[in-house]
Amino acid sequence: MEKQTPLTEALFYILLSVRKPNHGYGIIQEVQELTDGRVVLGPGTLYGAMQTMTARGWIRIYSEETDSRKKKEYIITETGRKVFAEEKRRLEELLRNAERMEEGTW
């Protein structure tokens, strides 16, 4: 797998929000709640990112309503889980190293 990290904050939170089936508006709300309003995804950012992640195989359509609104739910794929895990490890390393430097143990 080609190197996929670092992820943008938007990609990170979108992947986190589709661990269970979720639709666009639900993702926007969840990210806003998780970050206490610090990160607010606009529809353009969200749907552009989701198109990219779908093309990369990180997420897939889980279900699609057939009414006039055609609300789609997305879910993370195994590839997306691996990318997310790699990014999580990278971020944990950053924090570990910062703590070591602050404590003077490095």
PDB file of N, CA and C in Angstrom:
ATOM      1  N   MET A   1       0.856  -1.186   0.000  1.00  0.00           N
ATOM      2  CA  MET A   1       0.000   0.000   0.000  1.00  0.00           C
ATOM      3  C   MET A   1       0.892   1.235   0.000  1.00  0.00           C
ATOM      4  N   GLU A   2       0.609   2.184  -0.863  1.00  0.00           N
ATOM      5  CA  GLU A   2       1.394   3.407  -0.917  1.00  0.00           C
ATOM      6  C   GLU A   2       1.165   4.210   0.355  1.00  0.00           C
ATOM      7  N   LYS A   3       2.128   5.026   0.686  1.00  0.00           N
ATOM      8  CA  LYS A   3       2.030   5.840   1.895  1.00  0.00           C
ATOM      9  C   LYS A   3       0.831   6.783   1.777  1.00  0.00           C
ATOM     10  N   GLN A   4      -0.058   6.718   2.741  1.00  0.00           N
ATOM     11  CA  GLN A   4      -1.302   7.485   2.678  1.00  0.00           C
ATOM     12  C   GLN A   4      -1.377   8.569   3.755  1.00  0.00           C
ATOM     13  N   THR A   5      -0.367   8.650   4.621  1.00  0.00           N
ATOM     14  CA  THR A   5      -0.416   9.634   5.694  1.00  0.00           C
ATOM     15  C   THR A   5       0.624  10.703   5.443  1.00  0.00           C
ATOM     16  N   PRO A   6       0.532  11.867   6.029  1.00  0.00           N
ATOM     17  CA  PRO A   6      -0.472  12.256   7.006  1.00  0.00           C
ATOM     18  C   PRO A   6      -1.816  12.571   6.355  1.00  0.00           C
ATOM     19  N   LEU A   7      -2.858  12.310   7.095  1.00  0.00           N
ATOM     20  CA  LEU A   7      -4.201  12.646   6.639  1.00  0.00           C
ATOM     21  C   LEU A   7      -4.514  14.079   7.034  1.00  0.00           C
ATOM     22  N   THR A   8      -5.348  14.733   6.255  1.00  0.00           N
ATOM     23  CA  THR A   8      -5.867  16.021   6.702  1.00  0.00           C
ATOM     24  C   THR A   8      -6.800  15.748   7.876  1.00  0.00           C
ATOM     25  N   GLU A   9      -7.047  16.773   8.658  1.00  0.00           N
ATOM     26  CA  GLU A   9      -7.955  16.628   9.786  1.00  0.00           C
ATOM     27  C   GLU A   9      -9.350  16.214   9.302  1.00  0.00           C
ATOM     28  N   ALA A  10      -9.785  16.774   8.184  1.00  0.00           N
ATOM     29  CA  ALA A  10     -11.103  16.421   7.647  1.00  0.00           C
ATOM     30  C   ALA A  10     -11.165  14.931   7.306  1.00  0.00           C
ATOM     31  N   LEU A  11     -10.147  14.413   6.610  1.00  0.00           N
ATOM     32  CA  LEU A  11     -10.147  12.991   6.253  1.00  0.00           C
ATOM     33  C   LEU A  11     -10.137  12.120   7.497  1.00  0.00           C
ATOM     34  N   PHE A  12      -9.336  12.484   8.479  1.00  0.00           N
ATOM     35  CA  PHE A  12      -9.256  11.721   9.724  1.00  0.00           C
ATOM     36  C   PHE A  12     -10.631  11.618  10.379  1.00  0.00           C
ATOM     37  N   TYR A  13     -11.307  12.766  10.526  1.00  0.00           N
ATOM     38  CA  TYR A  13     -12.608  12.761  11.196  1.00  0.00           C
ATOM     39  C   TYR A  13     -13.696  12.090  10.361  1.00  0.00           C
ATOM     40  N   ILE A  14     -13.618  12.192   9.056  1.00  0.00           N
ATOM     41  CA  ILE A  14     -14.605  11.495   8.225  1.00  0.00           C
ATOM     42  C   ILE A  14     -14.439   9.986   8.391  1.00  0.00           C
ATOM     43  N   LEU A  15     -13.204   9.497   8.329  1.00  0.00           N
ATOM     44  CA  LEU A  15     -12.982   8.057   8.523  1.00  0.00           C
ATOM     45  C   LEU A  15     -13.460   7.613   9.903  1.00  0.00           C
ATOM     46  N   LEU A  16     -13.221   8.436  10.909  1.00  0.00           N
ATOM     47  CA  LEU A  16     -13.683   8.115  12.257  1.00  0.00           C
ATOM     48  C   LEU A  16     -15.212   8.052  12.306  1.00  0.00           C
ATOM     49  N   SER A  17     -15.870   8.907  11.540  1.00  0.00           N
ATOM     50  CA  SER A  17     -17.335   9.002  11.573  1.00  0.00           C
ATOM     51  C   SER A  17     -18.052   7.928  10.761  1.00  0.00           C
ATOM     52  N   VAL A  18     -17.328   7.194   9.918  1.00  0.00           N
ATOM     53  CA  VAL A  18     -17.988   6.152   9.125  1.00  0.00           C
ATOM     54  C   VAL A  18     -17.594   4.743   9.581  1.00  0.00           C
ATOM     55  N   ARG A  19     -17.218   4.600  10.838  1.00  0.00           N
ATOM     56  CA  ARG A  19     -16.967   3.258  11.399  1.00  0.00           C
ATOM     57  C   ARG A  19     -18.289   2.499  11.485  1.00  0.00           C
ATOM     58  N   LYS A  20     -19.371   3.258  11.528  1.00  0.00           N
ATOM     59  CA  LYS A  20     -20.721   2.692  11.401  1.00  0.00           C
ATOM     60  C   LYS A  20     -21.366   3.449  10.241  1.00  0.00           C
ATOM     61  N   PRO A  21     -22.362   2.881   9.591  1.00  0.00           N
ATOM     62  CA  PRO A  21     -22.972   3.577   8.453  1.00  0.00           C
ATOM     63  C   PRO A  21     -23.410   4.992   8.831  1.00  0.00           C
ATOM     64  N   ASN A  22     -23.080   5.941   7.981  1.00  0.00           N
ATOM     65  CA  ASN A  22     -23.415   7.336   8.256  1.00  0.00           C
ATOM     66  C   ASN A  22     -23.589   8.071   6.934  1.00  0.00           C
ATOM     67  N   HIS A  23     -24.453   9.074   6.925  1.00  0.00           N
ATOM     68  CA  HIS A  23     -24.680   9.875   5.721  1.00  0.00           C
ATOM     69  C   HIS A  23     -24.004  11.234   5.905  1.00  0.00           C
ATOM     70  N   GLY A  24     -23.932  12.001   4.844  1.00  0.00           N
ATOM     71  CA  GLY A  24     -23.193  13.252   4.849  1.00  0.00           C
ATOM     72  C   GLY A  24     -23.534  14.199   5.981  1.00  0.00           C
ATOM     73  N   TYR A  25     -24.819  14.475   6.157  1.00  0.00           N
ATOM     74  CA  TYR A  25     -25.207  15.408   7.211  1.00  0.00           C
ATOM     75  C   TYR A  25     -24.855  14.843   8.587  1.00  0.00           C
ATOM     76  N   GLY A  26     -25.011  13.534   8.748  1.00  0.00           N
ATOM     77  CA  GLY A  26     -24.653  12.878  10.012  1.00  0.00           C
ATOM     78  C   GLY A  26     -23.163  13.005  10.294  1.00  0.00           C
ATOM     79  N   ILE A  27     -22.342  12.889   9.265  1.00  0.00           N
ATOM     80  CA  ILE A  27     -20.895  13.038   9.421  1.00  0.00           C
ATOM     81  C   ILE A  27     -20.563  14.464   9.851  1.00  0.00           C
ATOM     82  N   ILE A  28     -21.170  15.449   9.189  1.00  0.00           N
ATOM     83  CA  ILE A  28     -20.947  16.856   9.534  1.00  0.00           C
ATOM     84  C   ILE A  28     -21.284  17.094  11.006  1.00  0.00           C
ATOM     85  N   GLN A  29     -22.436  16.598  11.449  1.00  0.00           N
ATOM     86  CA  GLN A  29     -22.866  16.782  12.837  1.00  0.00           C
ATOM     87  C   GLN A  29     -21.919  16.081  13.812  1.00  0.00           C
ATOM     88  N   GLU A  30     -21.546  14.835  13.493  1.00  0.00           N
ATOM     89  CA  GLU A  30     -20.696  14.065  14.394  1.00  0.00           C
ATOM     90  C   GLU A  30     -19.324  14.716  14.567  1.00  0.00           C
ATOM     91  N   VAL A  31     -18.744  15.178  13.467  1.00  0.00           N
ATOM     92  CA  VAL A  31     -17.430  15.825  13.537  1.00  0.00           C
ATOM     93  C   VAL A  31     -17.522  17.101  14.364  1.00  0.00           C
ATOM     94  N   GLN A  32     -18.568  17.866  14.153  1.00  0.00           N
ATOM     95  CA  GLN A  32     -18.746  19.098  14.913  1.00  0.00           C
ATOM     96  C   GLN A  32     -18.879  18.796  16.411  1.00  0.00           C
ATOM     97  N   GLU A  33     -19.645  17.751  16.747  1.00  0.00           N
ATOM     98  CA  GLU A  33     -19.815  17.364  18.156  1.00  0.00           C
ATOM     99  C   GLU A  33     -18.517  16.847  18.753  1.00  0.00           C
ATOM    100  N   LEU A  34     -17.812  15.975  18.026  1.00  0.00           N
ATOM    101  CA  LEU A  34     -16.552  15.409  18.527  1.00  0.00           C
ATOM    102  C   LEU A  34     -15.523  16.482  18.840  1.00  0.00           C
ATOM    103  N   THR A  35     -15.521  17.550  18.057  1.00  0.00           N
ATOM    104  CA  THR A  35     -14.507  18.597  18.201  1.00  0.00           C
ATOM    105  C   THR A  35     -15.040  19.822  18.948  1.00  0.00           C
ATOM    106  N   ASP A  36     -16.176  19.689  19.587  1.00  0.00           N
ATOM    107  CA  ASP A  36     -16.813  20.809  20.294  1.00  0.00           C
ATOM    108  C   ASP A  36     -16.930  22.046  19.409  1.00  0.00           C
ATOM    109  N   GLY A  37     -17.245  21.815  18.143  1.00  0.00           N
ATOM    110  CA  GLY A  37     -17.483  22.909  17.215  1.00  0.00           C
ATOM    111  C   GLY A  37     -16.235  23.495  16.576  1.00  0.00           C
ATOM    112  N   ARG A  38     -15.066  22.978  16.918  1.00  0.00           N
ATOM    113  CA  ARG A  38     -13.823  23.508  16.351  1.00  0.00           C
ATOM    114  C   ARG A  38     -13.700  23.188  14.867  1.00  0.00           C
ATOM    115  N   VAL A  39     -14.136  21.970  14.475  1.00  0.00           N
ATOM    116  CA  VAL A  39     -14.075  21.564  13.065  1.00  0.00           C
ATOM    117  C   VAL A  39     -15.497  21.508  12.534  1.00  0.00           C
ATOM    118  N   VAL A  40     -15.759  22.333  11.548  1.00  0.00           N
ATOM    119  CA  VAL A  40     -17.069  22.349  10.890  1.00  0.00           C
ATOM    120  C   VAL A  40     -16.814  22.067   9.408  1.00  0.00           C
ATOM    121  N   LEU A  41     -17.245  20.902   8.968  1.00  0.00           N
ATOM    122  CA  LEU A  41     -17.052  20.517   7.563  1.00  0.00           C
ATOM    123  C   LEU A  41     -18.146  21.134   6.711  1.00  0.00           C
ATOM    124  N   GLY A  42     -17.769  21.866   5.698  1.00  0.00           N
ATOM    125  CA  GLY A  42     -18.740  22.355   4.737  1.00  0.00           C
ATOM    126  C   GLY A  42     -19.086  21.243   3.761  1.00  0.00           C
ATOM    127  N   PRO A  43     -20.249  21.329   3.138  1.00  0.00           N
ATOM    128  CA  PRO A  43     -20.648  20.288   2.190  1.00  0.00           C
ATOM    129  C   PRO A  43     -19.627  20.075   1.071  1.00  0.00           C
ATOM    130  N   GLY A  44     -19.044  21.135   0.551  1.00  0.00           N
ATOM    131  CA  GLY A  44     -18.061  20.993  -0.530  1.00  0.00           C
ATOM    132  C   GLY A  44     -16.840  20.218  -0.085  1.00  0.00           C
ATOM    133  N   THR A  45     -16.337  20.544   1.102  1.00  0.00           N
ATOM    134  CA  THR A  45     -15.181  19.839   1.662  1.00  0.00           C
ATOM    135  C   THR A  45     -15.532  18.377   1.892  1.00  0.00           C
ATOM    136  N   LEU A  46     -16.681  18.150   2.522  1.00  0.00           N
ATOM    137  CA  LEU A  46     -17.099  16.788   2.848  1.00  0.00           C
ATOM    138  C   LEU A  46     -17.250  15.930   1.591  1.00  0.00           C
ATOM    139  N   TYR A  47     -18.025  16.402   0.641  1.00  0.00           N
ATOM    140  CA  TYR A  47     -18.308  15.552  -0.513  1.00  0.00           C
ATOM    141  C   TYR A  47     -17.104  15.397  -1.427  1.00  0.00           C
ATOM    142  N   GLY A  48     -16.254  16.420  -1.503  1.00  0.00           N
ATOM    143  CA  GLY A  48     -15.004  16.279  -2.252  1.00  0.00           C
ATOM    144  C   GLY A  48     -14.109  15.228  -1.620  1.00  0.00           C
ATOM    145  N   ALA A  49     -13.994  15.276  -0.294  1.00  0.00           N
ATOM    146  CA  ALA A  49     -13.178  14.297   0.434  1.00  0.00           C
ATOM    147  C   ALA A  49     -13.758  12.894   0.292  1.00  0.00           C
ATOM    148  N   MET A  50     -15.080  12.786   0.352  1.00  0.00           N
ATOM    149  CA  MET A  50     -15.703  11.466   0.252  1.00  0.00           C
ATOM    150  C   MET A  50     -15.531  10.884  -1.148  1.00  0.00           C
ATOM    151  N   GLN A  51     -15.574  11.719  -2.174  1.00  0.00           N
ATOM    152  CA  GLN A  51     -15.317  11.233  -3.537  1.00  0.00           C
ATOM    153  C   GLN A  51     -13.895  10.684  -3.638  1.00  0.00           C
ATOM    154  N   THR A  52     -12.941  11.421  -3.075  1.00  0.00           N
ATOM    155  CA  THR A  52     -11.545  10.984  -3.089  1.00  0.00           C
ATOM    156  C   THR A  52     -11.390   9.669  -2.336  1.00  0.00           C
ATOM    157  N   MET A  53     -11.979   9.580  -1.160  1.00  0.00           N
ATOM    158  CA  MET A  53     -11.842   8.369  -0.348  1.00  0.00           C
ATOM    159  C   MET A  53     -12.549   7.175  -0.983  1.00  0.00           C
ATOM    160  N   THR A  54     -13.657   7.424  -1.656  1.00  0.00           N
ATOM    161  CA  THR A  54     -14.345   6.336  -2.369  1.00  0.00           C
ATOM    162  C   THR A  54     -13.455   5.835  -3.511  1.00  0.00           C
ATOM    163  N   ALA A  55     -12.860   6.764  -4.248  1.00  0.00           N
ATOM    164  CA  ALA A  55     -11.973   6.389  -5.365  1.00  0.00           C
ATOM    165  C   ALA A  55     -10.759   5.608  -4.872  1.00  0.00           C
ATOM    166  N   ARG A  56     -10.269   5.937  -3.688  1.00  0.00           N
ATOM    167  CA  ARG A  56      -9.104   5.238  -3.115  1.00  0.00           C
ATOM    168  C   ARG A  56      -9.489   3.920  -2.447  1.00  0.00           C
ATOM    169  N   GLY A  57     -10.792   3.682  -2.302  1.00  0.00           N
ATOM    170  CA  GLY A  57     -11.249   2.448  -1.682  1.00  0.00           C
ATOM    171  C   GLY A  57     -11.234   2.488  -0.164  1.00  0.00           C
ATOM    172  N   TRP A  58     -11.216   3.686   0.422  1.00  0.00           N
ATOM    173  CA  TRP A  58     -11.202   3.814   1.874  1.00  0.00           C
ATOM    174  C   TRP A  58     -12.598   3.739   2.469  1.00  0.00           C
ATOM    175  N   ILE A  59     -13.601   4.179   1.704  1.00  0.00           N
ATOM    176  CA  ILE A  59     -14.995   4.098   2.130  1.00  0.00           C
ATOM    177  C   ILE A  59     -15.804   3.582   0.946  1.00  0.00           C
ATOM    178  N   ARG A  60     -17.009   3.113   1.255  1.00  0.00           N
ATOM    179  CA  ARG A  60     -17.904   2.660   0.189  1.00  0.00           C
ATOM    180  C   ARG A  60     -19.327   3.021   0.576  1.00  0.00           C
ATOM    181  N   ILE A  61     -20.192   3.029  -0.440  1.00  0.00           N
ATOM    182  CA  ILE A  61     -21.613   3.259  -0.161  1.00  0.00           C
ATOM    183  C   ILE A  61     -22.147   2.030   0.556  1.00  0.00           C
ATOM    184  N   TYR A  62     -22.795   2.262   1.680  1.00  0.00           N
ATOM    185  CA  TYR A  62     -23.388   1.192   2.475  1.00  0.00           C
ATOM    186  C   TYR A  62     -24.829   0.967   2.046  1.00  0.00           C
ATOM    187  N   SER A  63     -25.557   2.063   1.869  1.00  0.00           N
ATOM    188  CA  SER A  63     -26.943   1.973   1.403  1.00  0.00           C
ATOM    189  C   SER A  63     -27.325   3.287   0.753  1.00  0.00           C
ATOM    190  N   GLU A  64     -28.348   3.217  -0.053  1.00  0.00           N
ATOM    191  CA  GLU A  64     -28.812   4.409  -0.743  1.00  0.00           C
ATOM    192  C   GLU A  64     -30.330   4.393  -0.752  1.00  0.00           C
ATOM    193  N   GLU A  65     -30.925   5.472  -0.229  1.00  0.00           N
ATOM    194  CA  GLU A  65     -32.385   5.576  -0.250  1.00  0.00           C
ATOM    195  C   GLU A  65     -32.822   5.835  -1.688  1.00  0.00           C
ATOM    196  N   THR A  66     -33.961   5.318  -2.031  1.00  0.00           N
ATOM    197  CA  THR A  66     -34.438   5.468  -3.410  1.00  0.00           C
ATOM    198  C   THR A  66     -35.438   6.599  -3.589  1.00  0.00           C
ATOM    199  N   ASP A  67     -35.690   7.352  -2.487  1.00  0.00           N
ATOM    200  CA  ASP A  67     -36.622   8.477  -2.644  1.00  0.00           C
ATOM    201  C   ASP A  67     -35.934   9.619  -3.399  1.00  0.00           C
ATOM    202  N   SER A  68     -36.601  10.723  -3.524  1.00  0.00           N
ATOM    203  CA  SER A  68     -36.094  11.819  -4.353  1.00  0.00           C
ATOM    204  C   SER A  68     -34.795  12.433  -3.828  1.00  0.00           C
ATOM    205  N   ARG A  69     -34.521  12.332  -2.527  1.00  0.00           N
ATOM    206  CA  ARG A  69     -33.307  12.921  -1.978  1.00  0.00           C
ATOM    207  C   ARG A  69     -32.093  12.027  -2.181  1.00  0.00           C
ATOM    208  N   LYS A  70     -32.320  10.741  -2.335  1.00  0.00           N
ATOM    209  CA  LYS A  70     -31.238   9.776  -2.561  1.00  0.00           C
ATOM    210  C   LYS A  70     -30.122   9.916  -1.529  1.00  0.00           C
ATOM    211  N   LYS A  71     -30.476   9.826  -0.268  1.00  0.00           N
ATOM    212  CA  LYS A  71     -29.503   9.920   0.811  1.00  0.00           C
ATOM    213  C   LYS A  71     -28.633   8.652   0.811  1.00  0.00           C
ATOM    214  N   LYS A  72     -27.333   8.840   0.761  1.00  0.00           N
ATOM    215  CA  LYS A  72     -26.404   7.715   0.757  1.00  0.00           C
ATOM    216  C   LYS A  72     -25.749   7.602   2.121  1.00  0.00           C
ATOM    217  N   GLU A  73     -25.622   6.375   2.581  1.00  0.00           N
ATOM    218  CA  GLU A  73     -24.848   6.110   3.790  1.00  0.00           C
ATOM    219  C   GLU A  73     -23.528   5.484   3.358  1.00  0.00           C
ATOM    220  N   TYR A  74     -22.462   5.877   4.044  1.00  0.00           N
ATOM    221  CA  TYR A  74     -21.130   5.373   3.738  1.00  0.00           C
ATOM    222  C   TYR A  74     -20.587   4.615   4.938  1.00  0.00           C
ATOM    223  N   ILE A  75     -19.649   3.713   4.656  1.00  0.00           N
ATOM    224  CA  ILE A  75     -18.994   2.957   5.717  1.00  0.00           C
ATOM    225  C   ILE A  75     -17.525   2.766   5.327  1.00  0.00           C
ATOM    226  N   ILE A  76     -16.681   2.689   6.343  1.00  0.00           N
ATOM    227  CA  ILE A  76     -15.251   2.507   6.113  1.00  0.00           C
ATOM    228  C   ILE A  76     -14.982   1.096   5.583  1.00  0.00           C
ATOM    229  N   THR A  77     -13.977   0.958   4.739  1.00  0.00           N
ATOM    230  CA  THR A  77     -13.573  -0.348   4.212  1.00  0.00           C
ATOM    231  C   THR A  77     -12.359  -0.843   5.003  1.00  0.00           C
ATOM    232  N   GLU A  78     -11.941  -2.048   4.723  1.00  0.00           N
ATOM    233  CA  GLU A  78     -10.746  -2.592   5.367  1.00  0.00           C
ATOM    234  C   GLU A  78      -9.522  -1.733   5.036  1.00  0.00           C
ATOM    235  N   THR A  79      -9.418  -1.301   3.790  1.00  0.00           N
ATOM    236  CA  THR A  79      -8.311  -0.416   3.399  1.00  0.00           C
ATOM    237  C   THR A  79      -8.375   0.878   4.194  1.00  0.00           C
ATOM    238  N   GLY A  80      -9.555   1.441   4.338  1.00  0.00           N
ATOM    239  CA  GLY A  80      -9.723   2.655   5.120  1.00  0.00           C
ATOM    240  C   GLY A  80      -9.335   2.457   6.571  1.00  0.00           C
ATOM    241  N   ARG A  81      -9.662   1.292   7.125  1.00  0.00           N
ATOM    242  CA  ARG A  81      -9.272   0.984   8.513  1.00  0.00           C
ATOM    243  C   ARG A  81      -7.752   0.953   8.657  1.00  0.00           C
ATOM    244  N   LYS A  82      -7.085   0.384   7.661  1.00  0.00           N
ATOM    245  CA  LYS A  82      -5.616   0.320   7.705  1.00  0.00           C
ATOM    246  C   LYS A  82      -5.009   1.711   7.613  1.00  0.00           C
ATOM    247  N   VAL A  83      -5.534   2.542   6.726  1.00  0.00           N
ATOM    248  CA  VAL A  83      -5.046   3.917   6.579  1.00  0.00           C
ATOM    249  C   VAL A  83      -5.271   4.678   7.889  1.00  0.00           C
ATOM    250  N   PHE A  84      -6.451   4.516   8.486  1.00  0.00           N
ATOM    251  CA  PHE A  84      -6.764   5.188   9.738  1.00  0.00           C
ATOM    252  C   PHE A  84      -5.822   4.726  10.853  1.00  0.00           C
ATOM    253  N   ALA A  85      -5.588   3.419  10.931  1.00  0.00           N
ATOM    254  CA  ALA A  85      -4.701   2.874  11.966  1.00  0.00           C
ATOM    255  C   ALA A  85      -3.279   3.406  11.801  1.00  0.00           C
ATOM    256  N   GLU A  86      -2.817   3.504  10.563  1.00  0.00           N
ATOM    257  CA  GLU A  86      -1.486   4.043  10.299  1.00  0.00           C
ATOM    258  C   GLU A  86      -1.392   5.500  10.752  1.00  0.00           C
ATOM    259  N   GLU A  87      -2.413   6.269  10.474  1.00  0.00           N
ATOM    260  CA  GLU A  87      -2.421   7.677  10.886  1.00  0.00           C
ATOM    261  C   GLU A  87      -2.493   7.793  12.397  1.00  0.00           C
ATOM    262  N   LYS A  88      -3.276   6.948  13.030  1.00  0.00           N
ATOM    263  CA  LYS A  88      -3.386   6.970  14.489  1.00  0.00           C
ATOM    264  C   LYS A  88      -2.027   6.667  15.118  1.00  0.00           C
ATOM    265  N   ARG A  89      -1.313   5.682  14.592  1.00  0.00           N
ATOM    266  CA  ARG A  89       0.030   5.362  15.089  1.00  0.00           C
ATOM    267  C   ARG A  89       0.975   6.555  14.909  1.00  0.00           C
ATOM    268  N   ARG A  90       0.877   7.226  13.765  1.00  0.00           N
ATOM    269  CA  ARG A  90       1.733   8.385  13.490  1.00  0.00           C
ATOM    270  C   ARG A  90       1.461   9.500  14.505  1.00  0.00           C
ATOM    271  N   LEU A  91       0.188   9.767  14.753  1.00  0.00           N
ATOM    272  CA  LEU A  91      -0.169  10.817  15.706  1.00  0.00           C
ATOM    273  C   LEU A  91       0.253  10.456  17.125  1.00  0.00           C
ATOM    274  N   GLU A  92       0.110   9.186  17.497  1.00  0.00           N
ATOM    275  CA  GLU A  92       0.552   8.734  18.823  1.00  0.00           C
ATOM    276  C   GLU A  92       2.059   8.917  18.978  1.00  0.00           C
ATOM    277  N   GLU A  93       2.818   8.635  17.917  1.00  0.00           N
ATOM    278  CA  GLU A  93       4.266   8.834  17.948  1.00  0.00           C
ATOM    279  C   GLU A  93       4.602  10.310  18.158  1.00  0.00           C
ATOM    280  N   LEU A  94       3.895  11.193  17.454  1.00  0.00           N
ATOM    281  CA  LEU A  94       4.114  12.630  17.635  1.00  0.00           C
ATOM    282  C   LEU A  94       3.912  13.036  19.093  1.00  0.00           C
ATOM    283  N   LEU A  95       2.825  12.581  19.680  1.00  0.00           N
ATOM    284  CA  LEU A  95       2.540  12.920  21.071  1.00  0.00           C
ATOM    285  C   LEU A  95       3.577  12.329  22.022  1.00  0.00           C
ATOM    286  N   ARG A  96       3.952  11.073  21.808  1.00  0.00           N
ATOM    287  CA  ARG A  96       4.975  10.430  22.645  1.00  0.00           C
ATOM    288  C   ARG A  96       6.277  11.214  22.605  1.00  0.00           C
ATOM    289  N   ASN A  97       6.699  11.587  21.397  1.00  0.00           N
ATOM    290  CA  ASN A  97       7.956  12.309  21.251  1.00  0.00           C
ATOM    291  C   ASN A  97       7.880  13.700  21.882  1.00  0.00           C
ATOM    292  N   ALA A  98       6.754  14.363  21.759  1.00  0.00           N
ATOM    293  CA  ALA A  98       6.586  15.677  22.386  1.00  0.00           C
ATOM    294  C   ALA A  98       6.673  15.545  23.905  1.00  0.00           C
ATOM    295  N   GLU A  99       6.019  14.521  24.452  1.00  0.00           N
ATOM    296  CA  GLU A  99       6.055  14.308  25.901  1.00  0.00           C
ATOM    297  C   GLU A  99       7.464  13.984  26.378  1.00  0.00           C
ATOM    298  N   ARG A 100       8.185  13.159  25.622  1.00  0.00           N
ATOM    299  CA  ARG A 100       9.558  12.816  25.981  1.00  0.00           C
ATOM    300  C   ARG A 100      10.438  14.065  25.996  1.00  0.00           C
ATOM    301  N   MET A 101      10.276  14.905  24.999  1.00  0.00           N
ATOM    302  CA  MET A 101      11.086  16.129  24.922  1.00  0.00           C
ATOM    303  C   MET A 101      10.744  17.083  26.076  1.00  0.00           C
ATOM    304  N   GLU A 102       9.460  17.221  26.368  1.00  0.00           N
ATOM    305  CA  GLU A 102       9.042  18.115  27.459  1.00  0.00           C
ATOM    306  C   GLU A 102       9.530  17.603  28.813  1.00  0.00           C
ATOM    307  N   GLU A 103       9.527  16.284  28.994  1.00  0.00           N
ATOM    308  CA  GLU A 103       9.959  15.691  30.262  1.00  0.00           C
ATOM    309  C   GLU A 103      11.477  15.598  30.359  1.00  0.00           C
ATOM    310  N   GLY A 104      12.164  15.834  29.250  1.00  0.00           N
ATOM    311  CA  GLY A 104      13.608  15.737  29.257  1.00  0.00           C
ATOM    312  C   GLY A 104      14.134  14.306  29.298  1.00  0.00           C
ATOM    313  N   THR A 105      13.293  13.354  28.854  1.00  0.00           N
ATOM    314  CA  THR A 105      13.716  11.946  28.876  1.00  0.00           C
ATOM    315  C   THR A 105      14.276  11.496  27.526  1.00  0.00           C
ATOM    316  N   TRP A 106      14.490  12.418  26.649  1.00  0.00           N
ATOM    317  CA  TRP A 106      15.082  12.064  25.353  1.00  0.00           C
ATOM    318  C   TRP A 106      16.431  12.653  25.223  1.00  0.00           C
TER     319      TRP A 106
END
